[in-house]
Amino acid sequence: MRGLQCTPADEAAILEFGRGRRGIVTAEEHSVIGGLAGLITWVFKGWGIPMQCVGVQDRFGHSAHTYAELQEEYGLTSAHISAAARRALTAEAPQGPRQ
């Protein structure tokens, strides 16, 4: 799913997109708190789908000379996203149905 708007969230569309997936990876140039990662985690809570969230962790910001330096600093490069996808696909699925 690309270009998802976090609010208002179309939970039915998100669930339909994720149904039957072996893993979910979110990637965003935003804090993982309160962004796409939080929304997707909330929607799929209890579904037993392994998830990985690539985004800015809860920390103070830094400046850099280039955008590429910032991506590396915050773990937002394509290599980080690929590694997250591999972890999601090889992770043990959480147990229990959604309540």
C-alpha atoms as a PDB file:
ATOM      1  CA  MET A   1       0.000   0.000   0.000  1.00  0.00           C
ATOM      2  CA  ARG A   2       1.496   3.348  -0.906  1.00  0.00           C
ATOM      3  CA  GLY A   3       0.704   6.903   0.048  1.00  0.00           C
ATOM      4  CA  LEU A   4      -1.611   5.945   2.860  1.00  0.00           C
ATOM      5  CA  GLN A   5      -3.208   8.862   4.634  1.00  0.00           C
ATOM      6  CA  CYS A   6      -3.144   8.224   8.378  1.00  0.00           C
ATOM      7  CA  THR A   7      -6.253  10.192   9.213  1.00  0.00           C
ATOM      8  CA  PRO A   8      -9.007   9.526   8.703  1.00  0.00           C
ATOM      9  CA  ALA A   9      -7.949   5.910   8.498  1.00  0.00           C
ATOM     10  CA  ASP A  10      -9.807   3.505   6.231  1.00  0.00           C
ATOM     11  CA  GLU A  11      -9.424   0.499   8.519  1.00  0.00           C
ATOM     12  CA  ALA A  12     -11.401  -1.792   6.190  1.00  0.00           C
ATOM     13  CA  ALA A  13      -9.090  -1.008   3.249  1.00  0.00           C
ATOM     14  CA  ILE A  14      -6.003  -1.526   5.408  1.00  0.00           C
ATOM     15  CA  LEU A  15      -7.295  -4.878   6.657  1.00  0.00           C
ATOM     16  CA  GLU A  16      -8.186  -5.983   3.125  1.00  0.00           C
ATOM     17  CA  PHE A  17      -4.712  -5.087   1.888  1.00  0.00           C
ATOM     18  CA  GLY A  18      -3.010  -6.967   4.733  1.00  0.00           C
ATOM     19  CA  ARG A  19      -5.202 -10.067   4.796  1.00  0.00           C
ATOM     20  CA  GLY A  20      -3.196 -13.172   3.915  1.00  0.00           C
ATOM     21  CA  ARG A  21       0.212 -11.470   4.050  1.00  0.00           C
ATOM     22  CA  ARG A  22       3.139 -13.280   5.640  1.00  0.00           C
ATOM     23  CA  GLY A  23       4.495 -10.052   7.100  1.00  0.00           C
ATOM     24  CA  ILE A  24       4.026  -6.304   7.064  1.00  0.00           C
ATOM     25  CA  VAL A  25       6.685  -3.602   6.863  1.00  0.00           C
ATOM     26  CA  THR A  26       5.967   0.083   7.294  1.00  0.00           C
ATOM     27  CA  ALA A  27       8.516   2.627   6.091  1.00  0.00           C
ATOM     28  CA  GLU A  28       8.160   6.335   6.661  1.00  0.00           C
ATOM     29  CA  GLU A  29      10.203   9.488   7.024  1.00  0.00           C
ATOM     30  CA  HIS A  30       8.397  10.237  10.242  1.00  0.00           C
ATOM     31  CA  SER A  31       8.382   9.173  13.852  1.00  0.00           C
ATOM     32  CA  VAL A  32       7.185   5.615  14.332  1.00  0.00           C
ATOM     33  CA  ILE A  33       5.132   7.036  17.206  1.00  0.00           C
ATOM     34  CA  GLY A  34       1.888   8.481  15.938  1.00  0.00           C
ATOM     35  CA  GLY A  35       2.555   7.825  12.277  1.00  0.00           C
ATOM     36  CA  LEU A  36       1.901   5.062   9.793  1.00  0.00           C
ATOM     37  CA  ALA A  37       3.643   2.463  11.966  1.00  0.00           C
ATOM     38  CA  GLY A  38       1.347   3.189  14.891  1.00  0.00           C
ATOM     39  CA  LEU A  39      -1.754   3.039  12.717  1.00  0.00           C
ATOM     40  CA  ILE A  40      -0.860  -0.250  11.026  1.00  0.00           C
ATOM     41  CA  THR A  41       0.208  -1.817  14.321  1.00  0.00           C
ATOM     42  CA  TRP A  42      -3.116  -0.807  15.867  1.00  0.00           C
ATOM     43  CA  VAL A  43      -5.209  -2.106  12.951  1.00  0.00           C
ATOM     44  CA  PHE A  44      -3.454  -5.503  12.885  1.00  0.00           C
ATOM     45  CA  LYS A  45      -3.136  -5.938  16.651  1.00  0.00           C
ATOM     46  CA  GLY A  46      -3.855  -9.565  17.467  1.00  0.00           C
ATOM     47  CA  TRP A  47      -3.913 -10.782  13.847  1.00  0.00           C
ATOM     48  CA  GLY A  48      -0.711 -12.796  14.200  1.00  0.00           C
ATOM     49  CA  ILE A  49       1.101 -11.080  11.332  1.00  0.00           C
ATOM     50  CA  PRO A  50       4.790 -10.308  11.936  1.00  0.00           C
ATOM     51  CA  MET A  51       5.494  -6.573  11.588  1.00  0.00           C
ATOM     52  CA  GLN A  52       8.558  -4.419  11.242  1.00  0.00           C
ATOM     53  CA  CYS A  53       8.477  -0.625  11.417  1.00  0.00           C
ATOM     54  CA  VAL A  54      11.126   1.462   9.661  1.00  0.00           C
ATOM     55  CA  GLY A  55      11.029   5.097  10.691  1.00  0.00           C
ATOM     56  CA  VAL A  56      12.467   7.667  13.012  1.00  0.00           C
ATOM     57  CA  GLN A  57      12.704   6.208  16.496  1.00  0.00           C
ATOM     58  CA  ASP A  58      11.806   8.246  19.581  1.00  0.00           C
ATOM     59  CA  ARG A  59      14.898  10.459  19.755  1.00  0.00           C
ATOM     60  CA  PHE A  60      16.090  13.983  19.203  1.00  0.00           C
ATOM     61  CA  GLY A  61      16.726  15.055  15.629  1.00  0.00           C
ATOM     62  CA  HIS A  62      20.083  15.723  14.012  1.00  0.00           C
ATOM     63  CA  SER A  63      21.142  17.776  11.047  1.00  0.00           C
ATOM     64  CA  ALA A  64      23.362  16.615   8.207  1.00  0.00           C
ATOM     65  CA  HIS A  65      24.975  17.835   5.017  1.00  0.00           C
ATOM     66  CA  THR A  66      22.945  15.565   2.762  1.00  0.00           C
ATOM     67  CA  TYR A  67      19.640  13.750   2.678  1.00  0.00           C
ATOM     68  CA  ALA A  68      21.508  10.440   2.306  1.00  0.00           C
ATOM     69  CA  GLU A  69      23.330  11.116   5.602  1.00  0.00           C
ATOM     70  CA  LEU A  70      19.995  11.656   7.333  1.00  0.00           C
ATOM     71  CA  GLN A  71      18.574   8.445   5.870  1.00  0.00           C
ATOM     72  CA  GLU A  72      21.583   6.519   7.146  1.00  0.00           C
ATOM     73  CA  GLU A  73      21.459   8.197  10.572  1.00  0.00           C
ATOM     74  CA  TYR A  74      17.806   7.283  11.070  1.00  0.00           C
ATOM     75  CA  GLY A  75      17.902   3.844   9.442  1.00  0.00           C
ATOM     76  CA  LEU A  76      15.743   4.851   6.484  1.00  0.00           C
ATOM     77  CA  THR A  77      17.787   3.531   3.560  1.00  0.00           C
ATOM     78  CA  SER A  78      16.633   0.874   1.111  1.00  0.00           C
ATOM     79  CA  ALA A  79      19.045  -1.531   2.830  1.00  0.00           C
ATOM     80  CA  HIS A  80      17.285  -0.923   6.168  1.00  0.00           C
ATOM     81  CA  ILE A  81      13.875  -1.457   4.587  1.00  0.00           C
ATOM     82  CA  SER A  82      15.036  -4.670   2.873  1.00  0.00           C
ATOM     83  CA  ALA A  83      16.448  -5.977   6.155  1.00  0.00           C
ATOM     84  CA  ALA A  84      13.144  -5.206   7.885  1.00  0.00           C
ATOM     85  CA  ALA A  85      11.262  -7.140   5.186  1.00  0.00           C
ATOM     86  CA  ARG A  86      13.545 -10.158   5.660  1.00  0.00           C
ATOM     87  CA  ARG A  87      12.985 -10.012   9.435  1.00  0.00           C
ATOM     88  CA  ALA A  88       9.211  -9.821   8.951  1.00  0.00           C
ATOM     89  CA  LEU A  89       9.206 -12.820   6.619  1.00  0.00           C
ATOM     90  CA  THR A  90      11.339 -14.960   8.917  1.00  0.00           C
ATOM     91  CA  ALA A  91       9.745 -13.875  12.222  1.00  0.00           C
ATOM     92  CA  GLU A  92       7.623 -16.110  14.346  1.00  0.00           C
ATOM     93  CA  ALA A  93       4.046 -14.900  14.056  1.00  0.00           C
ATOM     94  CA  PRO A  94       2.540 -13.577  17.298  1.00  0.00           C
ATOM     95  CA  GLN A  95      -0.063 -15.918  18.739  1.00  0.00           C
ATOM     96  CA  GLY A  96      -3.766 -15.342  19.268  1.00  0.00           C
ATOM     97  CA  PRO A  97      -6.675 -14.077  17.186  1.00  0.00           C
ATOM     98  CA  ARG A  98      -7.792 -10.479  17.192  1.00  0.00           C
ATOM     99  CA  GLN A  99     -10.236  -9.752  20.000  1.00  0.00           C
END
